[in-house]
Amino acid sequence: MSQQIVFIALQTNDDTRAVIEAIEADNPHATVNRYPAMVKIDAPGRLEINRSTVEDLIGRPWDIQEIQLGLISLAGNIEETEDQFVLAWR
C-alpha cells in the first residue's frame, strides 16, 4: 500500500459533524485541519469511513452515499460498499 497522502474535505454543518467525528475515531493516523466552512482530513496511505461508526454517533441508519451531501473534494481511489467508504492510492 502506498503511503501517499489521501484526503477528504467536507463542509462543516450539522449533517457532516458526526461523519467527521467518525473519521477521526476510525483513523487515528489522520490529521484533521479545521477551517471556518470546511474540515480537511489528510492521511498517509488510507482513510476509512465506516457506516457503523457514523450510525453509532447519530443514532439512526446512515447510508454511505449521504457523504455526497457535504463532500467538497477528495484525493485517492475510492472503494465503496454499503458498509465502508475507503480512500487509498492503488
Protein backbone atom coordinates (compact mmCIF):
# COMPACT_ATOMS: atom_id res chain seq x y z
CA MET A 1 0.00 0.00 0.00
CA SER A 2 1.26 3.44 -0.92
CA GLN A 3 1.94 5.93 1.85
CA GLN A 4 0.95 8.86 -0.38
CA ILE A 5 -1.44 11.25 1.27
CA VAL A 6 -5.16 10.78 0.66
CA PHE A 7 -7.67 13.37 1.84
CA ILE A 8 -11.31 14.22 2.13
CA ALA A 9 -12.72 17.72 2.56
CA LEU A 10 -16.23 18.12 3.95
CA GLN A 11 -18.44 21.12 4.61
CA THR A 12 -18.83 21.98 8.26
CA ASN A 13 -22.54 21.62 9.02
CA ASP A 14 -24.95 19.59 11.13
CA ASP A 15 -25.03 16.75 8.58
CA THR A 16 -21.26 16.26 8.49
CA ARG A 17 -20.25 16.75 12.14
CA ALA A 18 -20.83 13.09 13.04
CA VAL A 19 -19.12 11.92 9.85
CA ILE A 20 -16.05 13.99 10.72
CA GLU A 21 -16.07 12.64 14.28
CA ALA A 22 -16.36 9.07 12.94
CA ILE A 23 -13.43 9.61 10.57
CA GLU A 24 -11.32 10.87 13.47
CA ALA A 25 -12.28 7.85 15.61
CA ASP A 26 -11.58 5.27 12.90
CA ASN A 27 -8.36 6.87 11.59
CA PRO A 28 -6.06 7.83 14.47
CA HIS A 29 -3.20 8.30 11.96
CA ALA A 30 -5.11 11.09 10.17
CA THR A 31 -4.52 14.83 10.51
CA VAL A 32 -7.64 16.97 10.87
CA ASN A 33 -7.46 20.55 9.60
CA ARG A 34 -10.42 22.72 10.62
CA TYR A 35 -11.31 25.84 8.64
CA PRO A 36 -14.31 28.18 9.01
CA ALA A 37 -16.53 26.40 6.46
CA MET A 38 -14.86 23.03 6.00
CA VAL A 39 -12.76 20.28 7.50
CA LYS A 40 -9.96 18.65 5.50
CA ILE A 41 -8.69 15.31 6.74
CA ASP A 42 -5.33 14.02 5.44
CA ALA A 43 -3.99 10.52 5.99
CA PRO A 44 -0.96 8.64 4.76
CA GLY A 45 -1.97 5.66 2.65
CA ARG A 46 -5.60 5.04 3.58
CA LEU A 47 -8.67 6.71 5.06
CA GLU A 48 -11.76 4.76 6.13
CA ILE A 49 -15.30 5.90 6.82
CA ASN A 50 -17.34 3.17 8.48
CA ARG A 51 -21.14 3.23 8.33
CA SER A 52 -21.44 1.61 11.77
CA THR A 53 -19.33 4.32 13.45
CA VAL A 54 -21.42 7.11 11.93
CA GLU A 55 -24.65 5.32 12.90
CA ASP A 56 -23.45 4.96 16.49
CA LEU A 57 -22.84 8.70 16.64
CA ILE A 58 -26.09 9.86 15.01
CA GLY A 59 -28.36 7.17 16.45
CA ARG A 60 -30.06 6.27 13.17
CA PRO A 61 -29.38 4.30 10.00
CA TRP A 62 -26.93 6.08 7.70
CA ASP A 63 -26.38 5.39 4.02
CA ILE A 64 -22.75 5.78 2.90
CA GLN A 65 -23.93 7.80 -0.10
CA GLU A 66 -25.13 10.53 2.29
CA ILE A 67 -21.50 11.61 2.44
CA GLN A 68 -22.01 13.18 -1.01
CA LEU A 69 -24.23 15.87 0.55
CA GLY A 70 -21.31 17.53 2.31
CA LEU A 71 -18.40 16.45 0.15
CA ILE A 72 -16.20 19.24 -1.22
CA SER A 73 -13.21 17.34 -2.57
CA LEU A 74 -11.13 14.22 -2.12
CA ALA A 75 -7.88 12.64 -3.28
CA GLY A 76 -7.37 8.92 -3.69
CA ASN A 77 -9.03 5.98 -5.33
CA ILE A 78 -12.48 5.25 -3.92
CA GLU A 79 -13.63 1.83 -2.77
CA GLU A 80 -17.25 1.98 -1.64
CA THR A 81 -19.53 -0.69 -0.20
CA GLU A 82 -22.71 -0.45 1.85
CA ASP A 83 -20.59 -0.54 5.00
CA GLN A 84 -17.46 1.43 4.18
CA PHE A 85 -16.05 4.29 2.11
CA VAL A 86 -12.28 3.97 1.65
CA LEU A 87 -9.76 6.30 0.05
CA ALA A 88 -6.41 4.79 -0.91
CA TRP A 89 -3.96 5.05 -3.79
CA ARG A 90 -3.57 1.87 -5.84
